[in-house]
Protein backbone atom coordinates (compact mmCIF):
# COMPACT_ATOMS: atom_id res chain seq x y z
CA MET A 1 10.01 57.17 12.23
CA SER A 2 13.17 56.70 14.38
CA LYS A 3 14.72 53.30 15.05
CA LYS A 4 13.80 53.65 18.73
CA THR A 5 10.13 54.28 17.88
CA PHE A 6 10.07 51.35 15.45
CA LYS A 7 11.65 49.05 18.05
CA SER A 8 9.07 50.14 20.61
CA MET A 9 6.23 49.30 18.22
CA ALA A 10 7.77 45.92 17.41
CA ASP A 11 8.09 45.12 21.11
CA GLN A 12 4.42 46.03 21.59
CA ALA A 13 3.43 43.75 18.72
CA LEU A 14 5.45 40.83 20.07
CA ASP A 15 4.03 41.33 23.56
CA HIS A 16 0.56 41.32 22.03
CA SER A 17 1.15 38.03 20.16
CA SER A 18 2.51 36.34 23.30
CA GLY A 19 -0.66 37.11 25.26
CA VAL A 20 0.38 40.24 27.19
CA VAL A 21 -2.52 42.66 27.58
CA ILE A 22 -1.80 46.05 26.04
CA PRO A 23 -4.06 49.09 26.31
CA GLN A 24 -5.78 49.03 22.95
CA ARG A 25 -6.49 52.76 22.64
CA ALA A 26 -2.77 53.42 22.94
CA MET A 27 -2.08 51.43 19.79
CA SER A 28 -2.05 53.28 16.49
CA TRP A 29 -3.17 51.92 13.14
CA ALA A 30 0.47 51.56 12.11
CA SER A 31 1.19 49.37 15.14
CA LEU A 32 -1.79 47.20 14.21
CA ALA A 33 -0.37 46.71 10.74
CA LEU A 34 2.97 45.82 12.28
CA LEU A 35 1.18 43.36 14.56
CA ALA A 36 -0.31 41.64 11.56
CA MET A 37 3.12 41.42 9.97
CA PHE A 38 4.56 39.75 13.08
CA THR A 39 1.70 37.34 13.76
CA LEU A 40 0.85 36.22 10.23
CA PRO A 41 2.69 33.01 9.37
CA VAL A 42 4.67 33.24 6.23
CA VAL A 43 4.06 30.32 3.88
CA GLY A 44 6.58 30.63 1.13
CA HIS A 45 9.21 28.56 -0.48
CA SER A 46 12.29 29.84 1.23
CA LYS A 47 13.96 26.58 0.36
CA SER A 48 13.78 24.82 -2.97
CA THR A 49 10.69 22.62 -2.92
CA GLU A 50 9.88 19.69 -5.20
CA ASN A 51 6.51 19.83 -6.94
CA LEU A 52 5.63 16.16 -6.81
CA SER A 53 3.03 14.61 -9.08
CA LEU A 54 1.57 11.18 -8.44
CA SER A 55 3.38 9.73 -11.46
CA ASN A 56 6.72 11.13 -10.21
CA ALA A 57 6.15 9.57 -6.80
CA LEU A 58 5.30 6.18 -8.34
CA GLU A 59 8.43 6.25 -10.48
CA LYS A 60 10.65 7.08 -7.49
CA VAL A 61 9.15 4.30 -5.33
CA LYS A 62 9.27 1.64 -8.04
CA THR A 63 12.91 2.43 -8.82
CA PHE A 64 13.90 2.25 -5.15
CA GLN A 65 11.89 -0.88 -4.32
CA ALA A 66 13.34 -2.72 -7.34
CA THR A 67 16.78 -2.63 -5.66
CA GLN A 68 15.62 -5.29 -3.18
CA GLY A 69 15.90 -7.99 -5.83
CA VAL A 70 12.99 -10.03 -4.40
CA TRP A 71 11.35 -10.77 -7.71
CA GLN A 72 14.60 -11.56 -9.45
CA THR A 73 15.26 -14.12 -6.72
CA GLN A 74 11.80 -15.62 -7.01
CA ALA A 75 12.14 -15.86 -10.80
CA GLN A 76 15.50 -17.55 -10.36
CA ILE A 77 13.97 -20.09 -7.97
CA ALA A 78 11.06 -20.71 -10.35
CA ASN A 79 13.41 -21.39 -13.27
CA ALA A 80 15.50 -23.72 -11.12
CA ASN A 81 12.32 -25.59 -10.14
CA LYS A 82 11.46 -26.10 -13.80
CA LYS A 83 14.85 -27.72 -14.35
CA GLN A 84 14.63 -29.67 -11.12
CA ALA A 85 11.25 -31.14 -12.11
CA LYS A 86 12.72 -32.60 -15.30
CA LEU A 87 15.35 -34.65 -13.48
CA TRP A 88 14.99 -38.40 -13.41
CA ILE A 89 14.95 -40.34 -10.16
CA ASN A 90 18.43 -41.48 -9.24
CA PRO A 91 19.29 -45.19 -9.57
CA ASN A 92 20.61 -47.25 -6.64
CA LEU A 93 23.82 -49.26 -6.68
CA SER A 94 24.14 -52.25 -4.39
CA ILE A 95 27.24 -54.38 -3.71
CA GLU A 96 27.19 -57.53 -1.62
CA GLN A 97 29.92 -60.08 -0.83
CA SER A 98 30.06 -63.16 1.33
CA GLY A 99 32.98 -65.46 2.24
CA PHE A 100 36.05 -63.52 3.18
CA LYS A 101 38.38 -66.44 4.10
CA ASN A 102 40.55 -68.26 1.57
CA ASP A 103 39.02 -71.66 2.32
CA GLN A 104 35.45 -70.38 1.97
CA GLU A 105 33.22 -70.04 -1.04
CA LYS A 106 33.02 -66.42 -2.15
CA GLU A 107 30.01 -64.70 -3.64
CA LEU A 108 30.01 -61.16 -5.03
CA SER A 109 26.81 -59.45 -6.22
CA ILE A 110 26.73 -56.09 -7.97
CA GLY A 111 23.32 -54.65 -8.89
CA ILE A 112 21.65 -51.47 -10.09
CA SER A 113 18.02 -50.66 -9.41
CA GLN A 114 15.97 -47.97 -11.10
CA ARG A 115 12.52 -46.88 -10.02
CA LEU A 116 10.32 -46.38 -13.07
CA ASP A 117 7.74 -43.63 -13.56
CA LEU A 118 4.86 -45.27 -15.40
CA PHE A 119 2.00 -43.15 -14.04
CA GLY A 120 3.09 -39.57 -14.81
CA GLU A 121 4.58 -38.46 -11.50
CA ARG A 122 7.49 -36.64 -13.18
CA LYS A 123 5.15 -35.02 -15.72
CA ALA A 124 2.85 -33.79 -12.93
CA GLN A 125 5.91 -32.33 -11.10
CA GLN A 126 6.87 -30.43 -14.27
CA LYS A 127 3.36 -29.04 -14.52
CA LEU A 128 3.51 -28.01 -10.87
CA ALA A 129 6.80 -26.17 -11.46
CA GLU A 130 5.28 -24.33 -14.44
CA ILE A 131 2.31 -23.27 -12.31
CA SER A 132 4.67 -22.04 -9.59
CA SER A 133 6.54 -19.96 -12.17
CA ASN A 134 3.27 -18.39 -13.37
CA GLN A 135 2.31 -17.64 -9.78
CA VAL A 136 5.59 -15.79 -9.22
CA ALA A 137 4.98 -13.63 -12.29
CA LEU A 138 1.39 -12.94 -11.20
CA LYS A 139 2.40 -12.13 -7.63
CA GLN A 140 4.83 -9.55 -9.00
CA GLN A 141 2.01 -7.89 -10.95
CA ILE A 142 -0.20 -7.87 -7.86
CA TYR A 143 2.67 -6.45 -5.79
CA GLN A 144 3.18 -3.62 -8.27
CA ALA A 145 -0.55 -2.81 -8.25
CA GLN A 146 -0.61 -2.85 -4.44
CA LEU A 147 2.49 -0.67 -4.36
CA GLU A 148 0.75 1.87 -6.60
CA LEU A 149 -2.22 1.97 -4.23
CA VAL A 150 0.02 2.49 -1.18
CA VAL A 151 1.84 5.38 -2.91
CA LYS A 152 -1.45 6.85 -4.11
CA HIS A 153 -2.88 6.75 -0.58
CA LEU A 154 0.12 8.53 0.99
CA TRP A 155 0.31 11.00 -1.90
CA SER A 156 -3.42 11.83 -1.49
CA GLN A 157 -2.91 12.31 2.24
CA LEU A 158 -0.14 14.81 1.55
CA ALA A 159 -2.27 16.66 -1.02
CA ILE A 160 -5.24 16.84 1.36
CA LEU A 161 -3.08 18.03 4.27
CA GLU A 162 -1.59 20.77 2.06
CA LEU A 163 -5.09 21.84 1.13
CA GLU A 164 -6.18 21.80 4.77
CA ARG A 165 -3.11 23.86 5.73
CA ASP A 166 -4.01 26.41 3.04
CA VAL A 167 -7.59 26.55 4.34
CA VAL A 168 -6.37 27.20 7.88
CA LEU A 169 -4.01 29.87 6.57
CA GLU A 170 -6.80 31.62 4.71
CA GLN A 171 -8.92 31.48 7.84
CA LEU A 172 -6.06 32.92 9.86
CA LYS A 173 -5.74 35.79 7.40
CA ASN A 174 -9.48 36.45 7.70
CA SER A 175 -9.24 36.42 11.48
CA GLN A 176 -6.36 38.87 11.47
CA GLU A 177 -8.19 41.12 9.04
CA ASN A 178 -11.24 40.96 11.34
CA LEU A 179 -9.00 41.80 14.29
CA GLN A 180 -7.55 44.84 12.57
CA VAL A 181 -11.00 46.20 11.69
CA THR A 182 -12.28 45.48 15.21
CA GLU A 183 -9.27 47.25 16.76
CA LYS A 184 -9.94 50.25 14.54
CA ARG A 185 -13.61 50.46 15.60
CA TYR A 186 -12.60 50.01 19.24
CA GLN A 187 -10.17 52.93 18.97
CA ALA A 188 -13.03 54.97 17.56
CA GLY A 189 -15.07 54.08 20.64
CA ASN A 190 -17.79 52.23 18.69
CA ILE A 191 -17.47 48.79 20.34
CA ALA A 192 -16.41 47.33 23.67
CA GLN A 193 -13.16 45.64 24.66
CA VAL A 194 -14.94 42.28 24.95
CA ASP A 195 -15.79 42.37 21.25
CA VAL A 196 -12.11 42.79 20.44
CA ASP A 197 -11.20 39.88 22.72
CA ARG A 198 -13.69 37.61 20.98
CA ILE A 199 -11.99 38.18 17.64
CA ARG A 200 -8.57 37.84 19.27
CA ILE A 201 -9.52 34.42 20.70
CA ASN A 202 -10.44 33.23 17.22
CA THR A 203 -7.18 34.53 15.84
CA LEU A 204 -5.09 32.78 18.49
CA GLU A 205 -6.94 29.51 17.89
CA ASN A 206 -6.35 29.76 14.16
CA GLU A 207 -2.66 30.37 14.82
CA ARG A 208 -2.56 27.15 16.81
CA LEU A 209 -4.44 25.23 14.12
CA PHE A 210 -1.98 26.50 11.52
CA LYS A 211 1.00 25.25 13.52
CA GLN A 212 -0.72 21.88 13.97
CA ALA A 213 -1.44 21.67 10.22
CA GLU A 214 2.19 22.47 9.45
CA LEU A 215 3.37 19.68 11.76
CA GLU A 216 0.99 17.12 10.23
CA LEU A 217 2.11 18.21 6.78
CA LYS A 218 5.77 17.72 7.69
CA VAL A 219 5.07 14.19 8.93
CA ALA A 220 3.11 13.34 5.78
CA ARG A 221 5.98 14.54 3.55
CA GLN A 222 8.46 12.39 5.49
CA ASN A 223 6.15 9.35 5.34
CA LEU A 224 5.85 9.64 1.58
CA SER A 225 9.53 10.30 0.87
CA GLN A 226 10.52 7.30 3.03
CA LEU A 227 9.01 5.07 0.37
CA TRP A 228 11.97 5.87 -1.90
CA GLY A 229 14.57 5.88 0.86
CA GLU A 230 14.66 9.58 1.73
CA SER A 231 13.30 11.81 4.47
CA SER A 232 12.29 15.06 2.79
CA SER A 233 10.14 17.85 4.18
CA LEU A 234 10.28 19.93 1.01
CA LEU A 235 7.69 18.11 -1.10
CA SER A 236 4.73 20.02 -2.52
CA ILE A 237 1.57 18.99 -4.39
CA ASP A 238 -0.10 21.04 -7.15
CA GLN A 239 -3.39 22.20 -5.64
CA ASN A 240 -5.23 22.26 -8.96
CA PRO A 241 -8.66 20.65 -8.40
CA LYS A 242 -8.06 18.45 -11.45
CA ASN A 243 -5.02 16.97 -9.70
CA LEU A 244 -6.66 16.69 -6.29
CA TRP A 245 -9.74 14.68 -7.27
CA PRO A 246 -9.26 10.90 -7.92
CA PHE A 247 -10.58 11.07 -11.48
CA ASP A 248 -8.61 8.00 -12.62
CA SER A 249 -10.11 5.63 -10.07
CA ILE A 250 -12.95 4.48 -12.33
CA SER A 251 -10.53 3.66 -15.16
CA ASN A 252 -8.21 1.90 -12.70
CA VAL A 253 -11.04 -0.24 -11.36
CA GLU A 254 -12.07 -1.16 -14.91
CA ARG A 255 -8.43 -2.08 -15.68
CA PHE A 256 -8.12 -4.20 -12.54
CA GLN A 257 -11.41 -5.96 -13.29
CA LYS A 258 -10.37 -6.52 -16.89
CA ASP A 259 -6.99 -7.92 -15.90
CA ASN A 260 -8.67 -9.82 -13.04
CA LEU A 261 -5.45 -10.38 -11.13
CA LEU A 262 -7.24 -11.82 -8.12
CA GLU A 263 -9.32 -14.20 -10.18
CA LYS A 264 -6.21 -15.25 -12.09
CA SER A 265 -4.51 -15.90 -8.76
CA LEU A 266 -7.47 -18.01 -7.58
CA GLN A 267 -7.48 -19.92 -10.88
CA LEU A 268 -3.78 -20.70 -10.50
CA GLN A 269 -4.36 -21.86 -6.92
CA ILE A 270 -7.16 -24.14 -8.12
CA LEU A 271 -4.91 -25.51 -10.90
CA GLU A 272 -2.11 -25.99 -8.38
CA SER A 273 -4.48 -27.88 -6.08
CA LYS A 274 -5.58 -30.16 -8.94
CA THR A 275 -1.99 -30.82 -9.95
CA ASN A 276 -1.07 -31.64 -6.35
CA ILE A 277 -3.85 -34.21 -6.39
CA ASP A 278 -2.41 -35.67 -9.60
CA VAL A 279 1.01 -35.87 -7.94
CA LEU A 280 -0.39 -37.62 -4.88
CA LYS A 281 -2.31 -40.09 -7.04
CA ALA A 282 0.77 -40.81 -9.15
CA GLU A 283 2.88 -41.36 -6.03
CA ALA A 284 0.25 -43.76 -4.71
CA ARG A 285 0.41 -45.93 -7.86
CA PRO A 286 2.64 -49.03 -7.68
CA ASN A 287 5.55 -47.78 -9.74
CA PRO A 288 7.88 -50.77 -10.20
CA THR A 289 11.59 -50.78 -9.56
CA LEU A 290 13.76 -52.58 -12.15
CA ASN A 291 16.79 -54.48 -10.80
CA ALA A 292 19.73 -55.65 -12.91
CA GLY A 293 23.11 -57.01 -11.83
CA ILE A 294 25.70 -59.69 -11.95
CA LYS A 295 26.59 -62.41 -9.42
CA ARG A 296 30.05 -63.97 -9.30
CA THR A 297 30.62 -67.19 -7.34
CA SER A 298 34.05 -68.74 -6.73
CA SER A 299 35.29 -71.58 -4.50
CA PRO A 300 38.69 -73.15 -3.77
CA GLU A 301 37.70 -76.43 -5.49
CA SER A 302 36.00 -75.04 -8.63
CA SER A 303 36.35 -72.26 -11.14
CA THR A 304 34.56 -68.89 -11.02
CA GLU A 305 30.95 -68.75 -12.18
CA ASN A 306 29.16 -65.58 -13.31
CA GLN A 307 25.41 -65.07 -13.39
CA VAL A 308 23.31 -62.22 -14.75
CA LEU A 309 20.48 -61.13 -12.44
CA LEU A 310 17.27 -59.44 -13.60
CA GLY A 311 14.30 -58.62 -11.42
CA VAL A 312 11.45 -56.27 -10.71
CA GLU A 313 10.16 -54.91 -7.42
CA ILE A 314 6.53 -53.83 -7.19
CA PRO A 315 5.30 -51.99 -4.08
CA LEU A 316 2.05 -53.21 -2.59
CA ASN A 317 0.07 -50.07 -1.81
CA ILE A 318 -2.35 -51.86 0.43
CA PHE A 319 -2.47 -49.57 3.48
CA ASN A 320 -1.16 -46.16 2.36
CA ARG A 321 -2.49 -44.99 -0.99
CA ASN A 322 -2.29 -41.26 -0.15
CA GLN A 323 -6.06 -41.41 0.13
CA TYR A 324 -6.22 -38.88 2.95
CA GLY A 325 -3.71 -36.55 1.33
CA VAL A 326 -5.91 -36.55 -1.79
CA GLU A 327 -8.94 -35.87 0.40
CA ILE A 328 -7.22 -32.86 2.02
CA SER A 329 -6.20 -31.44 -1.38
CA GLN A 330 -9.69 -31.92 -2.74
CA ALA A 331 -11.18 -30.05 0.25
CA LYS A 332 -8.80 -27.13 -0.39
CA GLN A 333 -9.75 -27.12 -4.06
CA GLN A 334 -13.46 -27.00 -3.24
CA LEU A 335 -12.86 -24.08 -0.89
CA LEU A 336 -11.00 -22.20 -3.62
CA ASP A 337 -13.93 -22.80 -5.99
CA ARG A 338 -16.36 -21.34 -3.45
CA GLN A 339 -14.01 -18.43 -2.78
CA GLN A 340 -13.86 -17.61 -6.47
CA GLN A 341 -17.65 -17.65 -6.74
CA PHE A 342 -17.96 -15.44 -3.63
CA TYR A 343 -15.51 -12.94 -5.10
CA ARG A 344 -17.42 -12.72 -8.34
CA SER A 345 -20.81 -12.20 -6.67
CA GLN A 346 -19.97 -9.98 -3.68
CA ASN A 347 -16.82 -8.05 -4.50
CA LYS A 348 -18.09 -6.57 -7.76
CA ILE A 349 -21.29 -5.38 -6.07
CA LYS A 350 -19.27 -3.54 -3.40
CA VAL A 351 -17.04 -1.93 -6.03
CA SER A 352 -20.07 -0.83 -8.05
CA HIS A 353 -21.65 0.85 -5.01
CA LEU A 354 -18.38 2.63 -4.18
CA LEU A 355 -18.01 4.01 -7.71
CA SER A 356 -21.60 5.22 -7.62
CA GLU A 357 -20.92 6.99 -4.32
CA LEU A 358 -17.76 8.50 -5.80
CA ASN A 359 -19.76 10.03 -8.64
CA ASP A 360 -22.19 11.60 -6.15
CA LEU A 361 -19.27 12.97 -4.12
CA SER A 362 -17.83 14.49 -7.32
CA SER A 363 -21.06 16.45 -7.88
CA GLN A 364 -20.97 17.75 -4.31
CA PHE A 365 -17.31 18.71 -4.67
CA GLN A 366 -18.03 20.71 -7.82
CA GLN A 367 -20.88 22.51 -6.05
CA LEU A 368 -18.67 23.44 -3.08
CA GLN A 369 -15.80 24.45 -5.35
CA ASN A 370 -17.73 26.54 -7.82
CA ILE A 371 -20.75 27.88 -5.91
CA GLN A 372 -20.71 27.59 -2.13
CA ILE A 373 -17.16 28.73 -1.36
CA PRO A 374 -17.27 31.84 -3.65
CA LEU A 375 -20.69 32.72 -2.16
CA ALA A 376 -19.51 32.30 1.44
CA LEU A 377 -16.41 34.39 0.64
CA ARG A 378 -18.52 37.24 -0.76
CA VAL A 379 -20.84 37.14 2.27
CA GLN A 380 -17.89 37.29 4.66
CA GLN A 381 -16.26 40.20 2.85
CA LYS A 382 -19.49 42.21 2.65
CA THR A 383 -20.25 41.51 6.29
CA LEU A 384 -16.82 42.75 7.27
CA GLN A 385 -17.28 45.88 5.17
CA GLY A 386 -20.67 46.44 6.75
CA PHE A 387 -19.19 45.97 10.23
CA GLN A 388 -16.49 48.50 9.42
CA ALA A 389 -19.20 50.94 8.39
CA GLY A 390 -21.12 50.27 11.59
CA LYS A 391 -24.01 48.33 10.03
CA PHE A 392 -23.23 44.89 11.57
CA ALA A 393 -22.18 43.62 14.98
CA VAL A 394 -19.12 41.56 15.88
CA THR A 395 -21.26 38.43 16.13
CA ASP A 396 -22.33 38.93 12.48
CA VAL A 397 -18.68 39.03 11.41
CA GLN A 398 -17.92 35.93 13.48
CA GLN A 399 -20.87 34.05 12.03
CA ALA A 400 -19.96 34.92 8.42
CA THR A 401 -16.33 33.97 9.02
CA MET A 402 -17.32 30.66 10.60
CA GLN A 403 -19.63 29.89 7.68
CA LEU A 404 -16.76 30.48 5.28
CA GLN A 405 -14.47 28.25 7.32
CA ASP A 406 -17.09 25.48 7.53
CA VAL A 407 -17.60 25.46 3.77
CA ARG A 408 -13.87 25.33 3.14
CA LEU A 409 -13.39 22.51 5.64
CA ARG A 410 -16.33 20.59 4.16
CA ARG A 411 -14.51 20.69 0.86
CA VAL A 412 -11.44 19.19 2.52
CA GLN A 413 -13.52 16.53 4.28
CA LEU A 414 -15.31 15.70 1.02
CA LEU A 415 -11.95 15.22 -0.67
CA LYS A 416 -10.81 12.93 2.15
CA THR A 417 -13.95 10.83 1.79
CA ALA A 418 -13.57 10.64 -1.98
CA TRP A 419 -10.00 9.40 -1.78
CA GLN A 420 -10.97 6.86 0.85
CA ARG A 421 -13.75 5.51 -1.38
CA ALA A 422 -11.45 5.50 -4.40
CA ILE A 423 -8.67 3.59 -2.63
CA THR A 424 -11.24 1.15 -1.21
CA ALA A 425 -12.78 0.52 -4.64
CA GLU A 426 -9.42 -0.04 -6.31
CA SER A 427 -8.25 -2.31 -3.44
CA LEU A 428 -11.38 -4.45 -3.62
CA SER A 429 -11.19 -4.71 -7.40
CA LEU A 430 -7.64 -5.91 -6.96
CA GLY A 431 -8.68 -8.37 -4.25
CA VAL A 432 -6.80 -6.67 -1.44
CA SER A 433 -8.05 -5.52 1.94
CA PRO A 434 -8.38 -1.69 1.94
CA GLU A 435 -7.23 -1.65 5.57
CA GLN A 436 -3.97 -3.28 4.45
CA ILE A 437 -3.39 -0.60 1.80
CA MET A 438 -4.19 2.32 4.14
CA ALA A 439 -2.25 0.96 7.12
CA ALA A 440 0.64 3.05 8.43
CA ASP A 441 3.09 0.24 7.71
CA ALA A 442 1.48 -0.90 4.46
CA LEU A 443 4.69 -1.00 2.42
CA ASP A 444 6.55 -2.82 5.19
CA GLN A 445 3.83 -5.47 5.21
CA LEU A 446 4.00 -5.85 1.42
CA ASN A 447 7.75 -6.32 1.54
CA GLN A 448 7.58 -8.70 4.48
CA ASN A 449 5.04 -10.82 2.64
CA ALA A 450 7.20 -10.85 -0.50
CA TRP A 451 10.30 -11.89 1.51
CA GLN A 452 8.34 -14.59 3.33
CA ASP A 453 6.90 -15.90 0.04
CA THR A 454 10.43 -16.15 -1.30
CA GLN A 455 11.54 -18.25 1.66
CA ASN A 456 8.43 -20.45 1.42
CA LEU A 457 8.89 -21.33 -2.26
CA PRO A 458 9.18 -25.15 -2.34
CA VAL A 459 11.71 -27.29 -4.20
CA ILE A 460 9.72 -29.14 -6.86
CA GLY A 461 10.79 -32.21 -8.74
CA GLY A 462 12.73 -35.45 -8.72
CA GLY A 463 16.34 -36.23 -8.35
CA LYS A 464 15.74 -38.35 -5.25
């Protein structure tokens, strides 16, 4: 074949793929093969791709997110609060003098007053600082668990989109194979032009779907890689069914329920509320203030006289006894008690139902994977062979091909549903809203909350 003839055939193939109508009988079988070569998208690894497992992704994200230093700062604040809570209340120094002229009697008083803590206010503050430190450590554990769920969600999306892209590619190959066989039968004069056009319409639509799947896959890769500070479009997921299915969700839920991070958080909040009530009650008690000093009196006619002064000042908590502050704290504590009971009764039921549904979905997935897809593939291939031999019509080929595509897409949809149920179950067992984990800006929200919590950490203790 000369270069000129080859170029002519290539031009015909390109015109065909761009929608230009070409007389079909003028095309040879070689040109049809060349057409398939030009129109079939090539999915290869022309560039070096990174085969990313879920554990690799988690390690990358945790390493990058640790550079923020949020939890180191919160731990530093918590330790400072422990020291601050141990400080004694500062004493007061007072100096008074009267009589500034030489012919006047002069009186100089120097005194120190110290407010005493007889009712455990300082001790309650120390307990409050210890609770705050425990809350910081627990919040870090909850943050890490939430971070794992966010990464798992985006990783699963990438894996599903890769699978969906592969399904569309397989369907495109089937359509092009159907088109080649249809073209051959048309050249033999066995079918009409309209039958060829029907297959061509399917092929063009599958080409469009493939481009759309590639675009969505590129966006998903970038979304995942942004979690560790990069923007990569060369990530790839191993499509082994063992890696695609969320098999570890049940063990993760059991681990979360065993650790009970949410219940621990509620318990710490209840303990914090009780300690705040103790602080308010201690502040409302009449802690006395001890006064000690010396008074020096001198006059022009007599010698200097010194007197030692001792006294005590007791506040009269008649009107303000922090009674309404205690009432507010008690109302919050009661709400936390009810919230804890609600979590125990409702949340675990929801998680149990989700895990049961996940088991049912797993059975359906195995059936699609091992029985329905191989069966639909055999039917499609035999139908195409029968059509090539003149035993079936174009509509039979289209129907068999559509059945194969539907079964493959149902497998993808089933996998999507399974991951959604798995993420929801793990989120609920952790005490987090699933919508928060699966939001587009989930990690940004987590970091914003951590930063805001850092700014909202109070200064606990005396030293006033």
